[in-house]
Amino acid sequence: MKVILLENLRKIGSIGDVIDVKRGYARNYLIGKKKALFASKENIKEVDNLKNELNKKDLEKRKSAKSIQEIIENKVYSVKKLSTENKELYGSVKPTEISKVIFKNEKIEIAPSQIQPVKEIKTLGNFQVSINLHSEIVTNVTVKVIPEEEAK
């Protein structure tokens, strides 16, 4: 199915590109989240007219992502979790928890869908987490998992 992109998307394309994607991906994700339109002649003309406006919006998003990156890049955030004697966690640290910790410390809201741990966090220790702030801006933070008993 051919669609026209309304946003810059990593590994997919940039604003105004007409791309061919699978029907379910187009309908459920790209069009459903207003990141693309069906590639009809009318829509292609409309996107050409809106292209400058869309580029300005994308530039603003990139600026805000850059400022967030400058604040949180390479910082260490601590998460308290219950653990066993051999340093394994009861459960794991999820992106929603990491998002809440960053919001509590920095007052910056980051969607859990933007947070991607390099590997699953199931033990105590330090873990690298990459955060996709924009299609062109990715930053890394460290999540330090400490036992809850130690924190008291």
N, C-alpha and C. Protein backbone atom coordinates (compact mmCIF):
# COMPACT_ATOMS: atom_id res chain seq x y z
N MET A 1 0.85 -1.18 0.00
CA MET A 1 0.00 0.00 0.00
C MET A 1 0.89 1.24 0.00
N LYS A 2 0.59 2.17 -0.87
CA LYS A 2 1.38 3.39 -0.96
C LYS A 2 0.80 4.46 -0.03
N VAL A 3 1.72 5.08 0.75
CA VAL A 3 1.34 6.15 1.67
C VAL A 3 2.32 7.31 1.53
N ILE A 4 1.88 8.50 1.98
CA ILE A 4 2.73 9.69 1.99
C ILE A 4 3.05 10.00 3.45
N LEU A 5 4.32 10.15 3.77
CA LEU A 5 4.72 10.41 5.15
C LEU A 5 4.48 11.86 5.54
N LEU A 6 3.97 12.05 6.76
CA LEU A 6 3.75 13.39 7.31
C LEU A 6 4.79 13.72 8.37
N GLU A 7 5.67 12.77 8.70
CA GLU A 7 6.74 12.95 9.69
C GLU A 7 8.00 12.28 9.18
N ASN A 8 9.15 12.69 9.73
CA ASN A 8 10.40 11.98 9.47
C ASN A 8 10.41 10.75 10.37
N LEU A 9 10.56 9.59 9.79
CA LEU A 9 10.59 8.34 10.56
C LEU A 9 11.89 7.60 10.26
N ARG A 10 12.59 7.22 11.32
CA ARG A 10 13.86 6.53 11.18
C ARG A 10 13.67 5.23 10.41
N LYS A 11 14.56 4.99 9.48
CA LYS A 11 14.61 3.79 8.64
C LYS A 11 13.41 3.64 7.71
N ILE A 12 12.56 4.65 7.61
CA ILE A 12 11.39 4.55 6.74
C ILE A 12 11.42 5.64 5.67
N GLY A 13 11.56 6.90 6.09
CA GLY A 13 11.60 7.98 5.12
C GLY A 13 11.40 9.33 5.78
N SER A 14 11.33 10.36 4.95
CA SER A 14 11.15 11.71 5.49
C SER A 14 9.85 12.31 4.97
N ILE A 15 9.52 13.50 5.45
CA ILE A 15 8.27 14.17 5.14
C ILE A 15 8.06 14.27 3.62
N GLY A 16 6.85 13.88 3.18
CA GLY A 16 6.50 14.00 1.77
C GLY A 16 6.90 12.81 0.91
N ASP A 17 7.66 11.86 1.45
CA ASP A 17 8.05 10.67 0.69
C ASP A 17 6.83 9.78 0.46
N VAL A 18 6.71 9.25 -0.74
CA VAL A 18 5.69 8.25 -1.04
C VAL A 18 6.37 6.90 -0.93
N ILE A 19 5.93 6.09 0.03
CA ILE A 19 6.57 4.79 0.26
C ILE A 19 5.54 3.67 0.14
N ASP A 20 6.04 2.47 -0.08
CA ASP A 20 5.18 1.30 -0.19
C ASP A 20 5.40 0.44 1.06
N VAL A 21 4.35 0.26 1.85
CA VAL A 21 4.44 -0.54 3.08
C VAL A 21 3.30 -1.55 3.10
N LYS A 22 3.39 -2.50 4.02
CA LYS A 22 2.32 -3.48 4.15
C LYS A 22 1.05 -2.82 4.64
N ARG A 23 -0.07 -3.36 4.21
CA ARG A 23 -1.38 -2.77 4.47
C ARG A 23 -1.67 -2.60 5.96
N GLY A 24 -1.40 -3.61 6.78
CA GLY A 24 -1.67 -3.53 8.22
C GLY A 24 -0.83 -2.46 8.89
N TYR A 25 0.46 -2.37 8.53
CA TYR A 25 1.36 -1.35 9.09
C TYR A 25 0.86 0.04 8.73
N ALA A 26 0.43 0.19 7.47
CA ALA A 26 -0.06 1.50 7.01
C ALA A 26 -1.32 1.89 7.77
N ARG A 27 -2.30 0.99 7.81
CA ARG A 27 -3.58 1.33 8.44
C ARG A 27 -3.49 1.46 9.95
N ASN A 28 -2.84 0.49 10.59
CA ASN A 28 -2.85 0.46 12.05
C ASN A 28 -1.87 1.43 12.69
N TYR A 29 -0.70 1.61 12.09
CA TYR A 29 0.31 2.46 12.72
C TYR A 29 0.45 3.81 12.03
N LEU A 30 0.85 3.82 10.78
CA LEU A 30 1.16 5.09 10.12
C LEU A 30 -0.06 6.00 9.99
N ILE A 31 -1.15 5.49 9.46
CA ILE A 31 -2.34 6.31 9.28
C ILE A 31 -3.08 6.47 10.61
N GLY A 32 -3.10 5.41 11.41
CA GLY A 32 -3.76 5.46 12.72
C GLY A 32 -3.16 6.49 13.66
N LYS A 33 -1.86 6.68 13.61
CA LYS A 33 -1.17 7.65 14.47
C LYS A 33 -0.90 8.96 13.75
N LYS A 34 -1.55 9.15 12.61
CA LYS A 34 -1.45 10.38 11.81
C LYS A 34 -0.01 10.71 11.41
N LYS A 35 0.75 9.66 11.06
CA LYS A 35 2.11 9.83 10.58
C LYS A 35 2.16 9.75 9.06
N ALA A 36 1.03 9.36 8.44
CA ALA A 36 0.98 9.22 6.99
C ALA A 36 -0.46 9.33 6.49
N LEU A 37 -0.59 9.52 5.15
CA LEU A 37 -1.89 9.55 4.47
C LEU A 37 -1.85 8.56 3.31
N PHE A 38 -3.03 8.09 2.88
CA PHE A 38 -3.08 7.27 1.67
C PHE A 38 -2.52 8.08 0.51
N ALA A 39 -1.83 7.43 -0.42
CA ALA A 39 -1.18 8.14 -1.52
C ALA A 39 -2.13 8.32 -2.70
N SER A 40 -3.14 9.17 -2.54
CA SER A 40 -4.03 9.52 -3.65
C SER A 40 -3.49 10.80 -4.28
N LYS A 41 -3.98 11.13 -5.48
CA LYS A 41 -3.49 12.34 -6.17
C LYS A 41 -3.80 13.59 -5.35
N GLU A 42 -5.00 13.62 -4.74
CA GLU A 42 -5.38 14.79 -3.93
C GLU A 42 -4.47 14.94 -2.72
N ASN A 43 -4.20 13.80 -2.05
CA ASN A 43 -3.35 13.84 -0.85
C ASN A 43 -1.93 14.23 -1.19
N ILE A 44 -1.41 13.79 -2.33
CA ILE A 44 -0.05 14.15 -2.73
C ILE A 44 0.04 15.67 -2.93
N LYS A 45 -0.97 16.27 -3.59
CA LYS A 45 -0.98 17.72 -3.79
C LYS A 45 -1.08 18.45 -2.45
N GLU A 46 -1.93 17.93 -1.57
CA GLU A 46 -2.13 18.55 -0.25
C GLU A 46 -0.84 18.52 0.57
N VAL A 47 -0.13 17.38 0.54
CA VAL A 47 1.12 17.26 1.31
C VAL A 47 2.19 18.17 0.73
N ASP A 48 2.24 18.32 -0.60
CA ASP A 48 3.20 19.25 -1.20
C ASP A 48 2.96 20.67 -0.71
N ASN A 49 1.68 21.04 -0.56
CA ASN A 49 1.35 22.38 -0.05
C ASN A 49 1.70 22.51 1.43
N LEU A 50 1.54 21.44 2.19
CA LEU A 50 1.79 21.48 3.64
C LEU A 50 3.25 21.21 4.02
N LYS A 51 4.06 20.86 3.03
CA LYS A 51 5.43 20.40 3.32
C LYS A 51 6.23 21.40 4.16
N ASN A 52 6.19 22.68 3.84
CA ASN A 52 6.94 23.68 4.61
C ASN A 52 6.47 23.73 6.05
N GLU A 53 5.16 23.69 6.23
CA GLU A 53 4.59 23.72 7.58
C GLU A 53 5.01 22.47 8.38
N LEU A 54 4.97 21.32 7.72
CA LEU A 54 5.37 20.07 8.38
C LEU A 54 6.85 20.09 8.74
N ASN A 55 7.68 20.66 7.85
CA ASN A 55 9.12 20.77 8.14
C ASN A 55 9.38 21.68 9.33
N LYS A 56 8.59 22.76 9.47
CA LYS A 56 8.75 23.66 10.63
C LYS A 56 8.40 22.92 11.92
N LYS A 57 7.30 22.17 11.89
CA LYS A 57 6.91 21.38 13.08
C LYS A 57 7.99 20.38 13.44
N ASP A 58 8.55 19.73 12.40
CA ASP A 58 9.60 18.75 12.65
C ASP A 58 10.84 19.42 13.24
N LEU A 59 11.16 20.62 12.78
CA LEU A 59 12.30 21.36 13.29
C LEU A 59 12.09 21.71 14.77
N GLU A 60 10.85 22.11 15.13
CA GLU A 60 10.54 22.39 16.53
C GLU A 60 10.67 21.15 17.40
N LYS A 61 10.18 20.02 16.89
CA LYS A 61 10.30 18.75 17.63
C LYS A 61 11.78 18.40 17.83
N ARG A 62 12.58 18.63 16.79
CA ARG A 62 14.01 18.32 16.87
C ARG A 62 14.70 19.21 17.90
N LYS A 63 14.31 20.51 17.94
CA LYS A 63 14.90 21.43 18.93
C LYS A 63 14.55 21.01 20.34
N SER A 64 13.28 20.65 20.59
CA SER A 64 12.89 20.23 21.94
C SER A 64 13.58 18.91 22.30
N ALA A 65 13.72 18.01 21.34
CA ALA A 65 14.42 16.75 21.60
C ALA A 65 15.90 17.01 21.92
N LYS A 66 16.49 17.97 21.23
CA LYS A 66 17.91 18.32 21.48
C LYS A 66 18.08 18.89 22.88
N SER A 67 17.14 19.73 23.32
CA SER A 67 17.26 20.30 24.67
C SER A 67 17.06 19.22 25.74
N ILE A 68 16.15 18.29 25.49
CA ILE A 68 15.97 17.17 26.43
C ILE A 68 17.23 16.33 26.47
N GLN A 69 17.83 16.10 25.30
CA GLN A 69 19.05 15.30 25.22
C GLN A 69 20.17 15.94 26.05
N GLU A 70 20.32 17.26 25.97
CA GLU A 70 21.37 17.95 26.72
C GLU A 70 21.18 17.79 28.22
N ILE A 71 19.92 17.70 28.67
CA ILE A 71 19.64 17.57 30.10
C ILE A 71 19.91 16.16 30.60
N ILE A 72 19.46 15.13 29.87
CA ILE A 72 19.51 13.77 30.41
C ILE A 72 20.66 12.91 29.90
N GLU A 73 21.40 13.36 28.90
CA GLU A 73 22.42 12.50 28.30
C GLU A 73 23.48 12.07 29.32
N ASN A 74 23.78 10.78 29.31
CA ASN A 74 24.81 10.15 30.14
C ASN A 74 24.57 10.30 31.65
N LYS A 75 23.36 10.59 32.08
CA LYS A 75 23.06 10.66 33.51
C LYS A 75 22.75 9.27 34.04
N VAL A 76 22.83 9.14 35.37
CA VAL A 76 22.53 7.88 36.03
C VAL A 76 21.26 8.06 36.85
N TYR A 77 20.29 7.18 36.64
CA TYR A 77 19.03 7.22 37.38
C TYR A 77 18.91 5.94 38.21
N SER A 78 18.57 6.10 39.49
CA SER A 78 18.47 4.95 40.39
C SER A 78 17.02 4.47 40.49
N VAL A 79 16.88 3.15 40.46
CA VAL A 79 15.58 2.50 40.61
C VAL A 79 15.70 1.52 41.76
N LYS A 80 14.77 1.62 42.75
CA LYS A 80 14.78 0.71 43.89
C LYS A 80 13.85 -0.45 43.61
N LYS A 81 14.37 -1.69 43.75
CA LYS A 81 13.55 -2.87 43.50
C LYS A 81 13.84 -3.93 44.56
N LEU A 82 12.83 -4.74 44.86
CA LEU A 82 13.03 -5.89 45.76
C LEU A 82 13.86 -6.93 45.03
N SER A 83 14.82 -7.54 45.75
CA SER A 83 15.69 -8.52 45.10
C SER A 83 15.94 -9.72 46.00
N THR A 84 16.42 -10.80 45.40
CA THR A 84 16.76 -12.00 46.15
C THR A 84 18.20 -11.88 46.66
N GLU A 85 18.64 -12.91 47.39
CA GLU A 85 20.02 -12.87 47.91
C GLU A 85 21.06 -12.91 46.79
N ASN A 86 20.75 -13.58 45.69
CA ASN A 86 21.73 -13.66 44.59
C ASN A 86 21.53 -12.54 43.55
N LYS A 87 21.02 -11.40 44.01
CA LYS A 87 20.93 -10.15 43.25
C LYS A 87 20.00 -10.20 42.04
N GLU A 88 19.05 -11.12 42.03
CA GLU A 88 18.05 -11.14 40.97
C GLU A 88 16.81 -10.40 41.45
N LEU A 89 16.13 -9.74 40.52
CA LEU A 89 14.94 -8.96 40.88
C LEU A 89 13.69 -9.83 40.85
N TYR A 90 12.72 -9.44 41.67
CA TYR A 90 11.38 -10.02 41.57
C TYR A 90 10.69 -9.23 40.47
N GLY A 91 10.68 -9.78 39.27
CA GLY A 91 10.16 -9.05 38.11
C GLY A 91 11.32 -8.40 37.37
N SER A 92 11.04 -7.31 36.68
CA SER A 92 12.09 -6.60 35.96
C SER A 92 11.76 -5.11 35.93
N VAL A 93 12.74 -4.31 35.50
CA VAL A 93 12.53 -2.87 35.39
C VAL A 93 12.02 -2.59 33.98
N LYS A 94 10.83 -2.03 33.89
CA LYS A 94 10.17 -1.76 32.60
C LYS A 94 10.36 -0.30 32.18
N PRO A 95 10.19 -0.01 30.89
CA PRO A 95 10.30 1.37 30.41
C PRO A 95 9.37 2.36 31.13
N THR A 96 8.19 1.91 31.57
CA THR A 96 7.28 2.82 32.30
C THR A 96 7.91 3.29 33.61
N GLU A 97 8.59 2.37 34.30
CA GLU A 97 9.27 2.76 35.55
C GLU A 97 10.40 3.75 35.28
N ILE A 98 11.18 3.49 34.23
CA ILE A 98 12.28 4.38 33.87
C ILE A 98 11.73 5.76 33.52
N SER A 99 10.62 5.80 32.79
CA SER A 99 9.97 7.06 32.43
C SER A 99 9.55 7.84 33.67
N LYS A 100 8.98 7.14 34.66
CA LYS A 100 8.55 7.80 35.90
C LYS A 100 9.73 8.34 36.69
N VAL A 101 10.84 7.59 36.72
CA VAL A 101 12.04 8.04 37.45
C VAL A 101 12.62 9.29 36.80
N ILE A 102 12.67 9.32 35.47
CA ILE A 102 13.19 10.49 34.77
C ILE A 102 12.28 11.69 35.01
N PHE A 103 10.95 11.47 35.00
CA PHE A 103 10.02 12.57 35.25
C PHE A 103 10.17 13.09 36.67
N LYS A 104 10.35 12.18 37.64
CA LYS A 104 10.50 12.59 39.04
C LYS A 104 11.77 13.41 39.25
N ASN A 105 12.86 13.03 38.60
CA ASN A 105 14.14 13.71 38.78
C ASN A 105 14.29 14.97 37.94
N GLU A 106 13.82 14.94 36.70
CA GLU A 106 14.09 16.04 35.76
C GLU A 106 12.86 16.84 35.36
N LYS A 107 11.65 16.37 35.72
CA LYS A 107 10.39 17.00 35.29
C LYS A 107 10.27 17.03 33.77
N ILE A 108 10.78 15.96 33.13
CA ILE A 108 10.69 15.81 31.68
C ILE A 108 9.88 14.56 31.39
N GLU A 109 8.85 14.71 30.57
CA GLU A 109 8.00 13.57 30.27
C GLU A 109 8.51 12.87 29.01
N ILE A 110 8.83 11.59 29.17
CA ILE A 110 9.28 10.76 28.05
C ILE A 110 8.35 9.56 27.98
N ALA A 111 7.81 9.30 26.80
CA ALA A 111 6.89 8.18 26.63
C ALA A 111 7.65 6.86 26.79
N PRO A 112 7.07 5.88 27.48
CA PRO A 112 7.74 4.58 27.62
C PRO A 112 8.08 3.93 26.29
N SER A 113 7.33 4.23 25.25
CA SER A 113 7.62 3.65 23.93
C SER A 113 8.93 4.17 23.34
N GLN A 114 9.43 5.31 23.85
CA GLN A 114 10.69 5.87 23.36
C GLN A 114 11.89 5.25 24.06
N ILE A 115 11.66 4.54 25.16
CA ILE A 115 12.74 4.00 25.98
C ILE A 115 13.00 2.55 25.59
N GLN A 116 14.28 2.26 25.27
CA GLN A 116 14.64 0.91 24.90
C GLN A 116 15.89 0.45 25.66
N PRO A 117 15.67 -0.43 26.67
CA PRO A 117 16.84 -0.98 27.36
C PRO A 117 17.66 -1.82 26.38
N VAL A 118 19.01 -1.75 26.51
CA VAL A 118 19.88 -2.52 25.63
C VAL A 118 19.62 -4.01 25.85
N LYS A 119 19.45 -4.41 27.12
CA LYS A 119 19.03 -5.78 27.42
C LYS A 119 18.05 -5.72 28.59
N GLU A 120 17.31 -6.80 28.79
CA GLU A 120 16.29 -6.81 29.82
C GLU A 120 16.92 -6.63 31.21
N ILE A 121 16.30 -5.80 32.05
CA ILE A 121 16.85 -5.48 33.36
C ILE A 121 16.19 -6.38 34.40
N LYS A 122 16.92 -7.46 34.79
CA LYS A 122 16.37 -8.43 35.73
C LYS A 122 17.25 -8.66 36.94
N THR A 123 18.38 -7.94 37.03
CA THR A 123 19.28 -8.09 38.17
C THR A 123 19.68 -6.70 38.68
N LEU A 124 20.35 -6.69 39.83
CA LEU A 124 20.89 -5.44 40.36
C LEU A 124 22.09 -5.03 39.52
N GLY A 125 22.38 -3.73 39.47
CA GLY A 125 23.56 -3.25 38.75
C GLY A 125 23.23 -2.08 37.85
N ASN A 126 24.18 -1.75 36.96
CA ASN A 126 24.03 -0.64 36.03
C ASN A 126 23.69 -1.17 34.63
N PHE A 127 22.74 -0.50 33.98
CA PHE A 127 22.30 -0.92 32.66
C PHE A 127 22.19 0.30 31.74
N GLN A 128 22.64 0.14 30.49
CA GLN A 128 22.51 1.19 29.48
C GLN A 128 21.11 1.15 28.89
N VAL A 129 20.52 2.33 28.72
CA VAL A 129 19.19 2.44 28.13
C VAL A 129 19.25 3.52 27.06
N SER A 130 18.80 3.20 25.85
CA SER A 130 18.76 4.24 24.81
C SER A 130 17.34 4.81 24.73
N ILE A 131 17.28 6.12 24.49
CA ILE A 131 16.00 6.83 24.42
C ILE A 131 15.91 7.52 23.06
N ASN A 132 14.87 7.16 22.29
CA ASN A 132 14.65 7.77 20.98
C ASN A 132 13.80 9.02 21.16
N LEU A 133 14.45 10.18 21.18
CA LEU A 133 13.74 11.44 21.38
C LEU A 133 13.14 11.97 20.08
N HIS A 134 13.77 11.64 18.96
CA HIS A 134 13.37 12.13 17.64
C HIS A 134 13.93 11.14 16.63
N SER A 135 13.46 11.19 15.40
CA SER A 135 13.96 10.23 14.41
C SER A 135 15.47 10.38 14.18
N GLU A 136 16.03 11.54 14.50
CA GLU A 136 17.47 11.76 14.30
C GLU A 136 18.24 11.89 15.61
N ILE A 137 17.54 11.89 16.75
CA ILE A 137 18.21 12.12 18.04
C ILE A 137 17.95 10.95 18.99
N VAL A 138 19.03 10.26 19.33
CA VAL A 138 18.97 9.16 20.28
C VAL A 138 19.99 9.46 21.37
N THR A 139 19.59 9.29 22.63
CA THR A 139 20.50 9.54 23.74
C THR A 139 20.57 8.31 24.63
N ASN A 140 21.62 8.23 25.43
CA ASN A 140 21.78 7.10 26.34
C ASN A 140 21.81 7.59 27.78
N VAL A 141 21.18 6.81 28.66
CA VAL A 141 21.25 7.05 30.09
C VAL A 141 21.59 5.71 30.75
N THR A 142 22.03 5.79 32.00
CA THR A 142 22.33 4.59 32.77
C THR A 142 21.28 4.44 33.86
N VAL A 143 20.75 3.24 33.98
CA VAL A 143 19.80 2.94 35.04
C VAL A 143 20.52 2.07 36.06
N LYS A 144 20.59 2.58 37.29
CA LYS A 144 21.26 1.85 38.36
C LYS A 144 20.17 1.21 39.23
N VAL A 145 20.14 -0.11 39.25
CA VAL A 145 19.14 -0.83 40.03
C VAL A 145 19.74 -1.16 41.38
N ILE A 146 19.11 -0.63 42.45
CA ILE A 146 19.61 -0.88 43.81
C ILE A 146 18.54 -1.62 44.60
N PRO A 147 18.95 -2.42 45.59
CA PRO A 147 17.96 -3.14 46.39
C PRO A 147 17.15 -2.18 47.26
N GLU A 148 15.88 -2.46 47.42
CA GLU A 148 15.00 -1.59 48.19
C GLU A 148 15.38 -1.56 49.65
N GLU A 149 15.86 -2.69 50.21
CA GLU A 149 16.23 -2.74 51.63
C GLU A 149 17.40 -1.78 51.90
N GLU A 150 18.34 -1.68 50.93
CA GLU A 150 19.53 -0.84 51.09
C GLU A 150 19.15 0.65 51.13
N ALA A 151 18.10 1.00 50.45
CA ALA A 151 17.72 2.40 50.31
C ALA A 151 17.08 2.96 51.60
N LYS A 152 16.61 2.09 52.46
CA LYS A 152 15.93 2.57 53.68
C LYS A 152 16.87 3.10 54.73
